[in-house]
Amino acid sequence: MKRSQTLRLFLVAALAYAAIDFGIPAAGYIMKPGTWPVVPVHLVRLYFFVVVVTILLYAAADERRWRLIRGEFRHFLGAPEVWRARTAAIGAISLAGGYMAYDAVRPQFGIPPELRAIHPAPPSSFSIDGKMYDLLTLDNPLRADKRELARNTKAGGDIYFKNCFLCHGDKLDGDGQYADAFYPLPANFRDVGSIAQLQESYLFWRIATGGPGLPREGGPWTSSMPTWHRFLSEAEIWQAVLFLYDFTGHAPRAREP
């Protein structure tokens, strides 16, 4: 029995989508058990678009193959003897489209972001690679160095735009290219209720420890922020903190006496 070229291409597309949407997180789980990375929706669409274009180029690269595929399409869409399969396919596509429309507007029953603590309570101290940090006394050591303040702030901007802007946005407003993939949305640093209400030591703790560092007793949390101390040095995190305040025009909250 001769296999359908068109069906093969559809199966390849389906397997590619499954590999992108499920395989990449599964690979991350294998590499680091206990985690399940999230592939941003924009990235899934981009990868799948490349897959579809590649499949179309493959189908059109050979004239004989292209004629065969077009013939199979015409047969499927017009031949009386395949009306059952055609009806089932049209029904499945209609149901899938209807579900996607419903899923986009259906009410979400998760805990609303407004009921969450905006700024989770930090611990009094925490450790990174064996080094202890006391948040009650911790200050940004780079802010006191006035001669190097401008250079450190600029370096913090470079760090932000290399690592953070895809989620938090190039305007620091929480509207980055991947922001829609997260719930709740990434923090809007320009909001007066955000970093303007916090001490620099708090930002250092949140950036360094990321989502995994949030206290369990204050949950549920859904922060997808990585533990940046694994990728950035202590000085680089402080530089990023300087940039956040400088760009937004906010001043860090003063330590209470």
C-alpha atoms as a PDB file:
ATOM      1  CA  MET A   1       0.000   0.000   0.000  1.00  0.00           C
ATOM      2  CA  LYS A   2       1.423   3.328  -1.071  1.00  0.00           C
ATOM      3  CA  ARG A   3       1.886   5.800   1.763  1.00  0.00           C
ATOM      4  CA  SER A   4       0.573   9.345   1.426  1.00  0.00           C
ATOM      5  CA  GLN A   5       3.290  11.984   1.059  1.00  0.00           C
ATOM      6  CA  THR A   6       0.950  14.612   2.503  1.00  0.00           C
ATOM      7  CA  LEU A   7       0.247  12.515   5.606  1.00  0.00           C
ATOM      8  CA  ARG A   8       3.980  12.072   6.160  1.00  0.00           C
ATOM      9  CA  LEU A   9       4.523  15.831   6.085  1.00  0.00           C
ATOM     10  CA  PHE A  10       1.679  16.413   8.547  1.00  0.00           C
ATOM     11  CA  LEU A  11       3.150  13.792  10.886  1.00  0.00           C
ATOM     12  CA  VAL A  12       6.578  15.454  10.678  1.00  0.00           C
ATOM     13  CA  ALA A  13       5.007  18.823  11.553  1.00  0.00           C
ATOM     14  CA  ALA A  14       3.124  17.296  14.508  1.00  0.00           C
ATOM     15  CA  LEU A  15       6.257  15.577  15.834  1.00  0.00           C
ATOM     16  CA  ALA A  16       8.258  18.788  15.453  1.00  0.00           C
ATOM     17  CA  TYR A  17       5.648  20.749  17.424  1.00  0.00           C
ATOM     18  CA  ALA A  18       5.666  18.106  20.175  1.00  0.00           C
ATOM     19  CA  ALA A  19       9.475  18.219  20.290  1.00  0.00           C
ATOM     20  CA  ILE A  20       9.447  22.016  20.665  1.00  0.00           C
ATOM     21  CA  ASP A  21       6.614  22.351  23.165  1.00  0.00           C
ATOM     22  CA  PHE A  22       7.286  19.210  25.224  1.00  0.00           C
ATOM     23  CA  GLY A  23      10.734  17.939  24.259  1.00  0.00           C
ATOM     24  CA  ILE A  24      12.687  21.070  25.190  1.00  0.00           C
ATOM     25  CA  PRO A  25      11.214  21.255  28.742  1.00  0.00           C
ATOM     26  CA  ALA A  26      11.734  17.490  29.094  1.00  0.00           C
ATOM     27  CA  ALA A  27      15.389  17.897  28.139  1.00  0.00           C
ATOM     28  CA  GLY A  28      15.707  20.630  30.759  1.00  0.00           C
ATOM     29  CA  TYR A  29      14.173  18.305  33.350  1.00  0.00           C
ATOM     30  CA  ILE A  30      16.651  15.560  32.459  1.00  0.00           C
ATOM     31  CA  MET A  31      19.578  17.975  32.706  1.00  0.00           C
ATOM     32  CA  LYS A  32      18.348  19.421  35.999  1.00  0.00           C
ATOM     33  CA  PRO A  33      15.775  17.220  37.792  1.00  0.00           C
ATOM     34  CA  GLY A  34      13.139  19.080  39.750  1.00  0.00           C
ATOM     35  CA  THR A  35      12.715  21.844  37.173  1.00  0.00           C
ATOM     36  CA  TRP A  36      10.435  22.095  34.155  1.00  0.00           C
ATOM     37  CA  PRO A  37      11.542  24.997  31.913  1.00  0.00           C
ATOM     38  CA  VAL A  38       8.856  27.068  30.207  1.00  0.00           C
ATOM     39  CA  VAL A  39       9.246  27.647  26.466  1.00  0.00           C
ATOM     40  CA  PRO A  40       7.822  31.134  25.730  1.00  0.00           C
ATOM     41  CA  VAL A  41       4.827  31.114  23.386  1.00  0.00           C
ATOM     42  CA  HIS A  42       6.582  33.495  21.008  1.00  0.00           C
ATOM     43  CA  LEU A  43       9.527  31.111  20.763  1.00  0.00           C
ATOM     44  CA  VAL A  44       7.278  28.095  20.100  1.00  0.00           C
ATOM     45  CA  ARG A  45       5.562  29.985  17.287  1.00  0.00           C
ATOM     46  CA  LEU A  46       8.869  31.106  15.820  1.00  0.00           C
ATOM     47  CA  TYR A  47      10.355  27.581  15.845  1.00  0.00           C
ATOM     48  CA  PHE A  48       7.195  26.032  14.408  1.00  0.00           C
ATOM     49  CA  PHE A  49       7.072  28.679  11.674  1.00  0.00           C
ATOM     50  CA  VAL A  50      10.616  27.670  10.674  1.00  0.00           C
ATOM     51  CA  VAL A  51       9.537  24.004  10.657  1.00  0.00           C
ATOM     52  CA  VAL A  52       6.537  24.723   8.417  1.00  0.00           C
ATOM     53  CA  VAL A  53       8.632  26.752   5.984  1.00  0.00           C
ATOM     54  CA  THR A  54      11.209  23.948   5.851  1.00  0.00           C
ATOM     55  CA  ILE A  55       8.499  21.365   5.131  1.00  0.00           C
ATOM     56  CA  LEU A  56       7.041  23.496   2.340  1.00  0.00           C
ATOM     57  CA  LEU A  57      10.468  24.006   0.801  1.00  0.00           C
ATOM     58  CA  TYR A  58      11.068  20.261   0.928  1.00  0.00           C
ATOM     59  CA  ALA A  59       7.698  19.556  -0.703  1.00  0.00           C
ATOM     60  CA  ALA A  60       8.275  22.090  -3.499  1.00  0.00           C
ATOM     61  CA  ALA A  61      11.926  21.189  -4.151  1.00  0.00           C
ATOM     62  CA  ASP A  62      10.996  18.210  -6.348  1.00  0.00           C
ATOM     63  CA  GLU A  63       8.439  18.729  -9.135  1.00  0.00           C
ATOM     64  CA  ARG A  64       7.233  15.132  -9.070  1.00  0.00           C
ATOM     65  CA  ARG A  65       6.769  15.222  -5.283  1.00  0.00           C
ATOM     66  CA  TRP A  66       4.937  18.544  -5.495  1.00  0.00           C
ATOM     67  CA  ARG A  67       2.533  17.237  -8.153  1.00  0.00           C
ATOM     68  CA  LEU A  68       1.868  14.152  -6.039  1.00  0.00           C
ATOM     69  CA  ILE A  69       1.093  16.225  -2.931  1.00  0.00           C
ATOM     70  CA  ARG A  70      -1.208  18.566  -4.862  1.00  0.00           C
ATOM     71  CA  GLY A  71      -2.981  15.547  -6.344  1.00  0.00           C
ATOM     72  CA  GLU A  72      -3.496  14.068  -2.882  1.00  0.00           C
ATOM     73  CA  PHE A  73      -4.966  17.353  -1.645  1.00  0.00           C
ATOM     74  CA  ARG A  74      -7.377  17.563  -4.572  1.00  0.00           C
ATOM     75  CA  HIS A  75      -8.407  13.947  -4.075  1.00  0.00           C
ATOM     76  CA  PHE A  76      -9.006  14.431  -0.359  1.00  0.00           C
ATOM     77  CA  LEU A  77     -10.999  17.630  -0.838  1.00  0.00           C
ATOM     78  CA  GLY A  78     -13.115  16.492  -3.781  1.00  0.00           C
ATOM     79  CA  ALA A  79     -13.307  12.708  -4.109  1.00  0.00           C
ATOM     80  CA  PRO A  80     -16.741  11.283  -3.107  1.00  0.00           C
ATOM     81  CA  GLU A  81     -15.269   8.071  -1.689  1.00  0.00           C
ATOM     82  CA  VAL A  82     -13.347   9.889   1.083  1.00  0.00           C
ATOM     83  CA  TRP A  83     -16.233  12.000   2.338  1.00  0.00           C
ATOM     84  CA  ARG A  84     -16.117  10.399   5.798  1.00  0.00           C
ATOM     85  CA  ALA A  85     -12.439  11.236   6.337  1.00  0.00           C
ATOM     86  CA  ARG A  86     -12.976  14.708   4.886  1.00  0.00           C
ATOM     87  CA  THR A  87     -15.930  15.371   7.191  1.00  0.00           C
ATOM     88  CA  ALA A  88     -13.972  14.107  10.207  1.00  0.00           C
ATOM     89  CA  ALA A  89     -11.004  16.344   9.353  1.00  0.00           C
ATOM     90  CA  ILE A  90     -13.192  19.424   8.916  1.00  0.00           C
ATOM     91  CA  GLY A  91     -14.992  18.646  12.178  1.00  0.00           C
ATOM     92  CA  ALA A  92     -11.701  18.169  14.064  1.00  0.00           C
ATOM     93  CA  ILE A  93     -10.297  21.462  12.736  1.00  0.00           C
ATOM     94  CA  SER A  94     -13.511  23.285  13.654  1.00  0.00           C
ATOM     95  CA  LEU A  95     -13.514  21.830  17.167  1.00  0.00           C
ATOM     96  CA  ALA A  96      -9.846  22.703  17.657  1.00  0.00           C
ATOM     97  CA  GLY A  97     -10.451  26.278  16.505  1.00  0.00           C
ATOM     98  CA  GLY A  98     -13.487  26.561  18.764  1.00  0.00           C
ATOM     99  CA  TYR A  99     -11.548  25.293  21.767  1.00  0.00           C
ATOM    100  CA  MET A 100      -8.697  27.731  21.110  1.00  0.00           C
ATOM    101  CA  ALA A 101     -11.193  30.614  20.976  1.00  0.00           C
ATOM    102  CA  TYR A 102     -12.865  29.400  24.174  1.00  0.00           C
ATOM    103  CA  ASP A 103      -9.545  28.926  25.963  1.00  0.00           C
ATOM    104  CA  ALA A 104      -8.529  32.486  25.100  1.00  0.00           C
ATOM    105  CA  VAL A 105     -11.595  34.011  26.789  1.00  0.00           C
ATOM    106  CA  ARG A 106     -12.562  31.483  29.489  1.00  0.00           C
ATOM    107  CA  PRO A 107     -12.265  32.649  33.096  1.00  0.00           C
ATOM    108  CA  GLN A 108      -9.130  31.633  34.931  1.00  0.00           C
ATOM    109  CA  PHE A 109      -9.608  30.093  38.350  1.00  0.00           C
ATOM    110  CA  GLY A 110      -6.080  30.596  39.616  1.00  0.00           C
ATOM    111  CA  ILE A 111      -5.436  32.924  42.517  1.00  0.00           C
ATOM    112  CA  PRO A 112      -5.609  36.466  41.068  1.00  0.00           C
ATOM    113  CA  PRO A 113      -2.320  38.358  41.104  1.00  0.00           C
ATOM    114  CA  GLU A 114      -3.896  41.160  43.132  1.00  0.00           C
ATOM    115  CA  LEU A 115      -4.424  38.694  46.007  1.00  0.00           C
ATOM    116  CA  ARG A 116      -0.765  37.779  46.100  1.00  0.00           C
ATOM    117  CA  ALA A 117       1.791  39.599  48.179  1.00  0.00           C
ATOM    118  CA  ILE A 118       3.407  42.046  45.783  1.00  0.00           C
ATOM    119  CA  HIS A 119       6.695  42.013  47.627  1.00  0.00           C
ATOM    120  CA  PRO A 120       7.235  38.699  49.436  1.00  0.00           C
ATOM    121  CA  ALA A 121       8.825  38.988  52.845  1.00  0.00           C
ATOM    122  CA  PRO A 122      12.564  38.339  52.577  1.00  0.00           C
ATOM    123  CA  PRO A 123      14.526  36.253  55.069  1.00  0.00           C
ATOM    124  CA  SER A 124      16.730  38.061  57.540  1.00  0.00           C
ATOM    125  CA  SER A 125      19.738  36.367  55.914  1.00  0.00           C
ATOM    126  CA  PHE A 126      20.543  33.979  53.099  1.00  0.00           C
ATOM    127  CA  SER A 127      23.613  32.278  51.685  1.00  0.00           C
ATOM    128  CA  ILE A 128      25.075  31.877  48.202  1.00  0.00           C
ATOM    129  CA  ASP A 129      27.762  29.254  47.688  1.00  0.00           C
ATOM    130  CA  GLY A 130      28.537  29.268  51.397  1.00  0.00           C
ATOM    131  CA  LYS A 131      28.701  33.071  51.748  1.00  0.00           C
ATOM    132  CA  MET A 132      26.150  34.557  54.158  1.00  0.00           C
ATOM    133  CA  TYR A 133      24.333  37.829  53.478  1.00  0.00           C
ATOM    134  CA  ASP A 134      22.557  39.725  56.260  1.00  0.00           C
ATOM    135  CA  LEU A 135      19.679  41.630  54.659  1.00  0.00           C
ATOM    136  CA  LEU A 136      19.250  43.755  57.773  1.00  0.00           C
ATOM    137  CA  THR A 137      22.614  45.434  57.209  1.00  0.00           C
ATOM    138  CA  LEU A 138      23.395  44.730  53.538  1.00  0.00           C
ATOM    139  CA  ASP A 139      24.021  47.802  51.345  1.00  0.00           C
ATOM    140  CA  ASN A 140      25.051  48.219  47.741  1.00  0.00           C
ATOM    141  CA  PRO A 141      28.851  48.602  47.963  1.00  0.00           C
ATOM    142  CA  LEU A 142      29.019  50.132  44.477  1.00  0.00           C
ATOM    143  CA  ARG A 143      26.758  53.083  45.287  1.00  0.00           C
ATOM    144  CA  ALA A 144      29.262  54.454  47.789  1.00  0.00           C
ATOM    145  CA  ASP A 145      31.982  54.599  45.107  1.00  0.00           C
ATOM    146  CA  LYS A 146      31.014  57.919  43.506  1.00  0.00           C
ATOM    147  CA  ARG A 147      34.006  57.990  41.142  1.00  0.00           C
ATOM    148  CA  GLU A 148      32.980  54.704  39.527  1.00  0.00           C
ATOM    149  CA  LEU A 149      29.214  55.132  39.898  1.00  0.00           C
ATOM    150  CA  ALA A 150      28.580  56.126  36.266  1.00  0.00           C
ATOM    151  CA  ARG A 151      30.724  53.276  34.922  1.00  0.00           C
ATOM    152  CA  ASN A 152      29.056  50.717  37.171  1.00  0.00           C
ATOM    153  CA  THR A 153      25.600  51.974  36.207  1.00  0.00           C
ATOM    154  CA  LYS A 154      26.436  51.692  32.513  1.00  0.00           C
ATOM    155  CA  ALA A 155      27.770  48.174  33.086  1.00  0.00           C
ATOM    156  CA  GLY A 156      24.493  47.354  34.816  1.00  0.00           C
ATOM    157  CA  GLY A 157      22.618  48.483  31.710  1.00  0.00           C
ATOM    158  CA  ASP A 158      24.710  46.156  29.554  1.00  0.00           C
ATOM    159  CA  ILE A 159      23.928  43.285  31.928  1.00  0.00           C
ATOM    160  CA  TYR A 160      20.200  44.091  31.868  1.00  0.00           C
ATOM    161  CA  PHE A 161      19.938  44.195  28.085  1.00  0.00           C
ATOM    162  CA  LYS A 162      21.907  40.968  27.748  1.00  0.00           C
ATOM    163  CA  ASN A 163      19.871  39.006  30.277  1.00  0.00           C
ATOM    164  CA  CYS A 164      16.644  40.674  31.434  1.00  0.00           C
ATOM    165  CA  PHE A 165      14.929  42.816  28.803  1.00  0.00           C
ATOM    166  CA  LEU A 166      13.223  39.954  26.939  1.00  0.00           C
ATOM    167  CA  CYS A 167      10.962  39.517  29.968  1.00  0.00           C
ATOM    168  CA  HIS A 168      11.013  42.880  31.735  1.00  0.00           C
ATOM    169  CA  GLY A 169      11.046  44.951  28.531  1.00  0.00           C
ATOM    170  CA  ASP A 170      13.427  47.423  26.949  1.00  0.00           C
ATOM    171  CA  LYS A 171      11.566  50.180  28.833  1.00  0.00           C
ATOM    172  CA  LEU A 172      11.666  48.244  32.128  1.00  0.00           C
ATOM    173  CA  ASP A 173       7.857  48.215  32.153  1.00  0.00           C
ATOM    174  CA  GLY A 174       7.394  44.436  32.336  1.00  0.00           C
ATOM    175  CA  ASP A 175       6.281  44.243  28.702  1.00  0.00           C
ATOM    176  CA  GLY A 176       9.107  42.258  27.116  1.00  0.00           C
ATOM    177  CA  GLN A 177       8.817  39.999  24.090  1.00  0.00           C
ATOM    178  CA  TYR A 178       8.378  36.914  26.280  1.00  0.00           C
ATOM    179  CA  ALA A 179       6.220  38.589  28.950  1.00  0.00           C
ATOM    180  CA  ASP A 180       2.960  37.010  27.742  1.00  0.00           C
ATOM    181  CA  ALA A 181       4.380  33.548  28.441  1.00  0.00           C
ATOM    182  CA  PHE A 182       4.398  34.182  32.198  1.00  0.00           C
ATOM    183  CA  TYR A 183       1.692  34.489  34.845  1.00  0.00           C
ATOM    184  CA  PRO A 184       1.811  36.767  36.717  1.00  0.00           C
ATOM    185  CA  LEU A 185       3.563  39.111  34.298  1.00  0.00           C
ATOM    186  CA  PRO A 186       7.179  40.168  34.922  1.00  0.00           C
ATOM    187  CA  ALA A 187       7.660  43.076  37.288  1.00  0.00           C
ATOM    188  CA  ASN A 188       7.155  46.628  36.009  1.00  0.00           C
ATOM    189  CA  PHE A 189      10.108  48.510  37.470  1.00  0.00           C
ATOM    190  CA  ARG A 190       8.705  51.883  36.391  1.00  0.00           C
ATOM    191  CA  ASP A 191       5.673  51.479  38.649  1.00  0.00           C
ATOM    192  CA  VAL A 192       5.986  53.527  41.840  1.00  0.00           C
ATOM    193  CA  GLY A 193       4.762  50.485  43.740  1.00  0.00           C
ATOM    194  CA  SER A 194       7.702  48.405  42.562  1.00  0.00           C
ATOM    195  CA  ILE A 195      11.389  49.042  43.260  1.00  0.00           C
ATOM    196  CA  ALA A 196      10.697  52.556  44.564  1.00  0.00           C
ATOM    197  CA  GLN A 197       9.291  50.883  47.687  1.00  0.00           C
ATOM    198  CA  LEU A 198      12.264  48.573  48.186  1.00  0.00           C
ATOM    199  CA  GLN A 199      15.795  48.710  49.516  1.00  0.00           C
ATOM    200  CA  GLU A 200      18.631  47.720  47.224  1.00  0.00           C
ATOM    201  CA  SER A 201      19.400  44.719  49.418  1.00  0.00           C
ATOM    202  CA  TYR A 202      15.910  43.370  48.652  1.00  0.00           C
ATOM    203  CA  LEU A 203      16.553  43.590  44.899  1.00  0.00           C
ATOM    204  CA  PHE A 204      19.896  41.863  45.374  1.00  0.00           C
ATOM    205  CA  TRP A 205      18.166  38.988  47.190  1.00  0.00           C
ATOM    206  CA  ARG A 206      15.370  38.656  44.608  1.00  0.00           C
ATOM    207  CA  ILE A 207      17.723  38.762  41.618  1.00  0.00           C
ATOM    208  CA  ALA A 208      20.333  36.476  43.126  1.00  0.00           C
ATOM    209  CA  THR A 209      17.926  33.768  44.313  1.00  0.00           C
ATOM    210  CA  GLY A 210      15.167  34.172  41.701  1.00  0.00           C
ATOM    211  CA  GLY A 211      11.917  32.248  41.841  1.00  0.00           C
ATOM    212  CA  PRO A 212      13.383  29.220  43.679  1.00  0.00           C
ATOM    213  CA  GLY A 213      14.482  31.523  46.511  1.00  0.00           C
ATOM    214  CA  LEU A 214      10.977  32.735  47.388  1.00  0.00           C
ATOM    215  CA  PRO A 215       9.738  31.703  50.853  1.00  0.00           C
ATOM    216  CA  ARG A 216       7.307  28.770  50.801  1.00  0.00           C
ATOM    217  CA  GLU A 217       5.123  30.168  53.566  1.00  0.00           C
ATOM    218  CA  GLY A 218       4.163  33.135  51.386  1.00  0.00           C
ATOM    219  CA  GLY A 219       3.047  31.074  48.379  1.00  0.00           C
ATOM    220  CA  PRO A 220       1.676  30.280  45.989  1.00  0.00           C
ATOM    221  CA  TRP A 221       4.375  31.766  43.788  1.00  0.00           C
ATOM    222  CA  THR A 222       4.741  31.396  40.022  1.00  0.00           C
ATOM    223  CA  SER A 223       7.906  33.400  39.483  1.00  0.00           C
ATOM    224  CA  SER A 224       9.949  32.104  36.550  1.00  0.00           C
ATOM    225  CA  MET A 225      12.987  34.273  37.284  1.00  0.00           C
ATOM    226  CA  PRO A 226      16.217  32.240  37.259  1.00  0.00           C
ATOM    227  CA  THR A 227      18.660  32.125  40.141  1.00  0.00           C
ATOM    228  CA  TRP A 228      20.934  34.738  38.622  1.00  0.00           C
ATOM    229  CA  HIS A 229      23.785  34.141  41.056  1.00  0.00           C
ATOM    230  CA  ARG A 230      24.534  31.061  38.937  1.00  0.00           C
ATOM    231  CA  PHE A 231      25.184  33.283  35.904  1.00  0.00           C
ATOM    232  CA  LEU A 232      26.228  36.671  37.300  1.00  0.00           C
ATOM    233  CA  SER A 233      28.825  37.661  39.839  1.00  0.00           C
ATOM    234  CA  GLU A 234      27.939  39.557  42.999  1.00  0.00           C
ATOM    235  CA  ALA A 235      29.318  42.792  41.510  1.00  0.00           C
ATOM    236  CA  GLU A 236      27.306  42.316  38.300  1.00  0.00           C
ATOM    237  CA  ILE A 237      24.071  41.925  40.278  1.00  0.00           C
ATOM    238  CA  TRP A 238      24.809  45.140  42.183  1.00  0.00           C
ATOM    239  CA  GLN A 239      25.553  46.887  38.882  1.00  0.00           C
ATOM    240  CA  ALA A 240      22.186  45.752  37.500  1.00  0.00           C
ATOM    241  CA  VAL A 241      20.483  47.124  40.624  1.00  0.00           C
ATOM    242  CA  LEU A 242      22.178  50.507  40.067  1.00  0.00           C
ATOM    243  CA  PHE A 243      20.892  50.564  36.492  1.00  0.00           C
ATOM    244  CA  LEU A 244      17.302  49.732  37.480  1.00  0.00           C
ATOM    245  CA  TYR A 245      17.099  52.740  39.783  1.00  0.00           C
ATOM    246  CA  ASP A 246      18.975  55.051  37.438  1.00  0.00           C
ATOM    247  CA  PHE A 247      16.860  54.226  34.368  1.00  0.00           C
ATOM    248  CA  THR A 248      13.500  54.485  36.138  1.00  0.00           C
ATOM    249  CA  GLY A 249      14.431  57.617  38.055  1.00  0.00           C
ATOM    250  CA  HIS A 250      13.476  56.031  41.369  1.00  0.00           C
ATOM    251  CA  ALA A 251      15.562  56.255  44.507  1.00  0.00           C
ATOM    252  CA  PRO A 252      16.024  53.139  46.636  1.00  0.00           C
ATOM    253  CA  ARG A 253      14.121  53.074  49.883  1.00  0.00           C
ATOM    254  CA  ALA A 254      16.206  54.335  52.763  1.00  0.00           C
ATOM    255  CA  ARG A 255      16.992  51.943  55.582  1.00  0.00           C
ATOM    256  CA  GLU A 256      14.784  52.572  58.582  1.00  0.00           C
ATOM    257  CA  PRO A 257      16.617  53.561  61.767  1.00  0.00           C
END
